[in-house]
Amino acid sequence: MAPERIVLRFNATTSDKPVIYHLVKKYNLIINILKARINPHKEGMMVLELHGEPEQYAHGLEYLRSMGVTIQPLSEQVQHNETICNHCGACINVCPSGALYLERPDMKVKFDNEKCLVCLMCVKACPYKAMEVYF
């Protein structure tokens, strides 16, 4: 099964539980944490890629729900607007995944959406606002 990108939202009572550990140990799922944060109220959010055998995947999601974790598909996406891009490369230096790169010999900024982690660093770095977020 191909990895699914999902968003997990934790309330204050579940944010300190080892749910990721149990997904790996009990359900044999492979997890790649793309982004995570906990606010001062101990509510958490985590974006991750999750994959494994379909039956184990379903059981893992069921386990998360039983723990009070809200699960959403990742509906946020970054897009590169080439019409306003000046190809300055400011976004390339901050991209941790290599989704943005300079194509040679044209020296044009290119974007590989499959590699994008939706960290939004490029959106903040682009002086021309050529990197856009869609929900």
C-alpha atoms as a PDB file:
ATOM      1  CA  MET A   1       0.000   0.000   0.000  1.00  0.00           C
ATOM      2  CA  ALA A   2       1.316   3.447  -0.911  1.00  0.00           C
ATOM      3  CA  PRO A   3       1.866   5.864   1.978  1.00  0.00           C
ATOM      4  CA  GLU A   4      -1.104   8.009   2.921  1.00  0.00           C
ATOM      5  CA  ARG A   5      -0.549  11.523   4.180  1.00  0.00           C
ATOM      6  CA  ILE A   6      -2.809  12.243   7.115  1.00  0.00           C
ATOM      7  CA  VAL A   7      -3.224  14.833   9.859  1.00  0.00           C
ATOM      8  CA  LEU A   8      -3.685  13.686  13.442  1.00  0.00           C
ATOM      9  CA  ARG A   9      -5.133  16.044  16.055  1.00  0.00           C
ATOM     10  CA  PHE A  10      -4.639  15.247  19.723  1.00  0.00           C
ATOM     11  CA  ASN A  11      -6.456  16.695  22.720  1.00  0.00           C
ATOM     12  CA  ALA A  12      -4.692  17.413  26.006  1.00  0.00           C
ATOM     13  CA  THR A  13      -5.424  13.944  27.420  1.00  0.00           C
ATOM     14  CA  THR A  14      -3.973  12.053  24.444  1.00  0.00           C
ATOM     15  CA  SER A  15      -1.016  14.269  23.501  1.00  0.00           C
ATOM     16  CA  ASP A  16       1.209  12.607  26.121  1.00  0.00           C
ATOM     17  CA  LYS A  17       0.329   9.016  25.149  1.00  0.00           C
ATOM     18  CA  PRO A  18       2.745   6.883  23.059  1.00  0.00           C
ATOM     19  CA  VAL A  19       0.306   6.374  20.170  1.00  0.00           C
ATOM     20  CA  ILE A  20       2.981   6.399  17.457  1.00  0.00           C
ATOM     21  CA  TYR A  21       4.921   3.721  19.308  1.00  0.00           C
ATOM     22  CA  HIS A  22       1.807   1.520  19.368  1.00  0.00           C
ATOM     23  CA  LEU A  23       1.148   2.055  15.653  1.00  0.00           C
ATOM     24  CA  VAL A  24       4.610   0.724  14.910  1.00  0.00           C
ATOM     25  CA  LYS A  25       4.756  -2.026  17.533  1.00  0.00           C
ATOM     26  CA  LYS A  26       1.190  -3.401  17.500  1.00  0.00           C
ATOM     27  CA  TYR A  27       0.137  -2.737  13.909  1.00  0.00           C
ATOM     28  CA  ASN A  28       3.483  -2.970  12.093  1.00  0.00           C
ATOM     29  CA  LEU A  29       2.920   0.354  10.329  1.00  0.00           C
ATOM     30  CA  ILE A  30       5.670   2.446   8.788  1.00  0.00           C
ATOM     31  CA  ILE A  31       5.521   6.071   9.843  1.00  0.00           C
ATOM     32  CA  ASN A  32       7.269   9.158   8.534  1.00  0.00           C
ATOM     33  CA  ILE A  33       6.530  12.214  10.674  1.00  0.00           C
ATOM     34  CA  LEU A  34       6.483  15.261   8.410  1.00  0.00           C
ATOM     35  CA  LYS A  35       5.440  17.905  10.918  1.00  0.00           C
ATOM     36  CA  ALA A  36       4.408  17.957  14.583  1.00  0.00           C
ATOM     37  CA  ARG A  37       3.576  20.538  17.213  1.00  0.00           C
ATOM     38  CA  ILE A  38       1.952  20.852  20.621  1.00  0.00           C
ATOM     39  CA  ASN A  39       0.429  24.139  21.742  1.00  0.00           C
ATOM     40  CA  PRO A  40       0.591  25.530  25.312  1.00  0.00           C
ATOM     41  CA  HIS A  41      -2.757  23.854  26.091  1.00  0.00           C
ATOM     42  CA  LYS A  42      -1.150  20.476  25.274  1.00  0.00           C
ATOM     43  CA  GLU A  43      -3.263  20.009  22.167  1.00  0.00           C
ATOM     44  CA  GLY A  44      -1.237  18.476  19.374  1.00  0.00           C
ATOM     45  CA  MET A  45      -1.159  18.205  15.608  1.00  0.00           C
ATOM     46  CA  MET A  46       0.938  15.825  13.538  1.00  0.00           C
ATOM     47  CA  VAL A  47       1.267  15.420   9.778  1.00  0.00           C
ATOM     48  CA  LEU A  48       2.596  12.049   8.754  1.00  0.00           C
ATOM     49  CA  GLU A  49       2.916   9.499   6.021  1.00  0.00           C
ATOM     50  CA  LEU A  50       1.524   6.186   7.148  1.00  0.00           C
ATOM     51  CA  HIS A  51       1.558   2.887   5.337  1.00  0.00           C
ATOM     52  CA  GLY A  52       1.383  -0.822   5.871  1.00  0.00           C
ATOM     53  CA  GLU A  53      -0.799  -3.806   5.088  1.00  0.00           C
ATOM     54  CA  PRO A  54      -4.417  -2.683   4.455  1.00  0.00           C
ATOM     55  CA  GLU A  55      -5.866  -4.664   7.348  1.00  0.00           C
ATOM     56  CA  GLN A  56      -3.211  -3.459   9.795  1.00  0.00           C
ATOM     57  CA  TYR A  57      -3.628   0.105   8.493  1.00  0.00           C
ATOM     58  CA  ALA A  58      -7.376  -0.041   9.190  1.00  0.00           C
ATOM     59  CA  HIS A  59      -6.779  -1.460  12.683  1.00  0.00           C
ATOM     60  CA  GLY A  60      -4.202   1.253  13.365  1.00  0.00           C
ATOM     61  CA  LEU A  61      -6.643   4.011  12.406  1.00  0.00           C
ATOM     62  CA  GLU A  62      -9.310   2.362  14.557  1.00  0.00           C
ATOM     63  CA  TYR A  63      -6.854   2.359  17.478  1.00  0.00           C
ATOM     64  CA  LEU A  64      -6.154   6.085  16.983  1.00  0.00           C
ATOM     65  CA  ARG A  65      -9.865   6.897  16.991  1.00  0.00           C
ATOM     66  CA  SER A  66     -10.362   4.834  20.160  1.00  0.00           C
ATOM     67  CA  MET A  67      -7.671   6.987  21.807  1.00  0.00           C
ATOM     68  CA  GLY A  68      -9.586  10.158  20.909  1.00  0.00           C
ATOM     69  CA  VAL A  69      -7.301  11.182  18.049  1.00  0.00           C
ATOM     70  CA  THR A  70      -9.013  12.956  15.155  1.00  0.00           C
ATOM     71  CA  ILE A  71      -7.812  11.774  11.734  1.00  0.00           C
ATOM     72  CA  GLN A  72      -8.053  13.857   8.569  1.00  0.00           C
ATOM     73  CA  PRO A  73      -6.581  13.370   5.117  1.00  0.00           C
ATOM     74  CA  LEU A  74      -3.916  15.957   4.329  1.00  0.00           C
ATOM     75  CA  SER A  75      -5.851  18.563   2.409  1.00  0.00           C
ATOM     76  CA  GLU A  76      -3.182  21.227   2.361  1.00  0.00           C
ATOM     77  CA  GLN A  77      -1.028  21.459  -0.731  1.00  0.00           C
ATOM     78  CA  VAL A  78       1.734  23.778  -1.890  1.00  0.00           C
ATOM     79  CA  GLN A  79       1.838  24.887  -5.514  1.00  0.00           C
ATOM     80  CA  HIS A  80       4.453  26.739  -7.511  1.00  0.00           C
ATOM     81  CA  ASN A  81       3.000  29.611  -9.562  1.00  0.00           C
ATOM     82  CA  GLU A  82       5.451  29.805 -12.453  1.00  0.00           C
ATOM     83  CA  THR A  83       3.827  32.908 -13.947  1.00  0.00           C
ATOM     84  CA  ILE A  84       4.934  35.106 -11.042  1.00  0.00           C
ATOM     85  CA  CYS A  85       8.116  33.204 -10.122  1.00  0.00           C
ATOM     86  CA  ASN A  86      11.285  35.240 -10.738  1.00  0.00           C
ATOM     87  CA  HIS A  87      13.472  32.106 -10.351  1.00  0.00           C
ATOM     88  CA  CYS A  88      15.597  33.788  -7.691  1.00  0.00           C
ATOM     89  CA  GLY A  89      16.097  30.483  -5.831  1.00  0.00           C
ATOM     90  CA  ALA A  90      15.269  31.790  -2.330  1.00  0.00           C
ATOM     91  CA  CYS A  91      12.851  28.892  -1.855  1.00  0.00           C
ATOM     92  CA  ILE A  92      15.406  26.256  -2.834  1.00  0.00           C
ATOM     93  CA  ASN A  93      17.687  27.059   0.097  1.00  0.00           C
ATOM     94  CA  VAL A  94      14.979  26.497   2.703  1.00  0.00           C
ATOM     95  CA  CYS A  95      13.300  23.389   1.229  1.00  0.00           C
ATOM     96  CA  PRO A  96      14.212  20.428   3.484  1.00  0.00           C
ATOM     97  CA  SER A  97      12.899  17.746   1.127  1.00  0.00           C
ATOM     98  CA  GLY A  98      14.435  18.804  -2.182  1.00  0.00           C
ATOM     99  CA  ALA A  99      10.996  19.387  -3.700  1.00  0.00           C
ATOM    100  CA  LEU A 100      12.272  22.682  -5.067  1.00  0.00           C
ATOM    101  CA  TYR A 101      15.352  22.599  -7.254  1.00  0.00           C
ATOM    102  CA  LEU A 102      17.131  24.549  -9.949  1.00  0.00           C
ATOM    103  CA  GLU A 103      16.895  23.024 -13.408  1.00  0.00           C
ATOM    104  CA  ARG A 104      20.026  23.453 -15.456  1.00  0.00           C
ATOM    105  CA  PRO A 105      20.981  24.813 -17.925  1.00  0.00           C
ATOM    106  CA  ASP A 106      17.809  26.958 -17.947  1.00  0.00           C
ATOM    107  CA  MET A 107      18.353  28.002 -14.296  1.00  0.00           C
ATOM    108  CA  LYS A 108      14.607  27.766 -13.660  1.00  0.00           C
ATOM    109  CA  VAL A 109      13.081  26.861 -10.306  1.00  0.00           C
ATOM    110  CA  LYS A 110      11.156  23.596 -10.563  1.00  0.00           C
ATOM    111  CA  PHE A 111       8.805  21.990  -8.047  1.00  0.00           C
ATOM    112  CA  ASP A 112       8.249  18.264  -7.419  1.00  0.00           C
ATOM    113  CA  ASN A 113       4.933  18.031  -5.543  1.00  0.00           C
ATOM    114  CA  GLU A 114       5.542  14.374  -4.645  1.00  0.00           C
ATOM    115  CA  LYS A 115       8.548  15.321  -2.507  1.00  0.00           C
ATOM    116  CA  CYS A 116       6.810  18.257  -0.793  1.00  0.00           C
ATOM    117  CA  LEU A 117       6.373  17.925   2.991  1.00  0.00           C
ATOM    118  CA  VAL A 118       4.014  20.915   3.235  1.00  0.00           C
ATOM    119  CA  CYS A 119       6.336  22.520   5.786  1.00  0.00           C
ATOM    120  CA  LEU A 120       5.548  25.957   4.262  1.00  0.00           C
ATOM    121  CA  MET A 121       9.149  27.173   4.532  1.00  0.00           C
ATOM    122  CA  CYS A 122       9.141  28.051   0.815  1.00  0.00           C
ATOM    123  CA  VAL A 123       5.953  30.086   1.199  1.00  0.00           C
ATOM    124  CA  LYS A 124       7.626  32.217   3.872  1.00  0.00           C
ATOM    125  CA  ALA A 125      10.898  32.539   1.926  1.00  0.00           C
ATOM    126  CA  CYS A 126       9.537  33.517  -1.492  1.00  0.00           C
ATOM    127  CA  PRO A 127       9.722  37.298  -1.951  1.00  0.00           C
ATOM    128  CA  TYR A 128       7.436  37.120  -5.010  1.00  0.00           C
ATOM    129  CA  LYS A 129       4.717  34.973  -3.358  1.00  0.00           C
ATOM    130  CA  ALA A 130       5.086  32.375  -6.113  1.00  0.00           C
ATOM    131  CA  MET A 131       4.669  29.524  -3.608  1.00  0.00           C
ATOM    132  CA  GLU A 132       0.993  29.239  -2.714  1.00  0.00           C
ATOM    133  CA  VAL A 133      -0.930  27.101  -0.219  1.00  0.00           C
ATOM    134  CA  TYR A 134      -4.220  25.463  -1.175  1.00  0.00           C
ATOM    135  CA  PHE A 135      -6.602  23.740   1.215  1.00  0.00           C
END
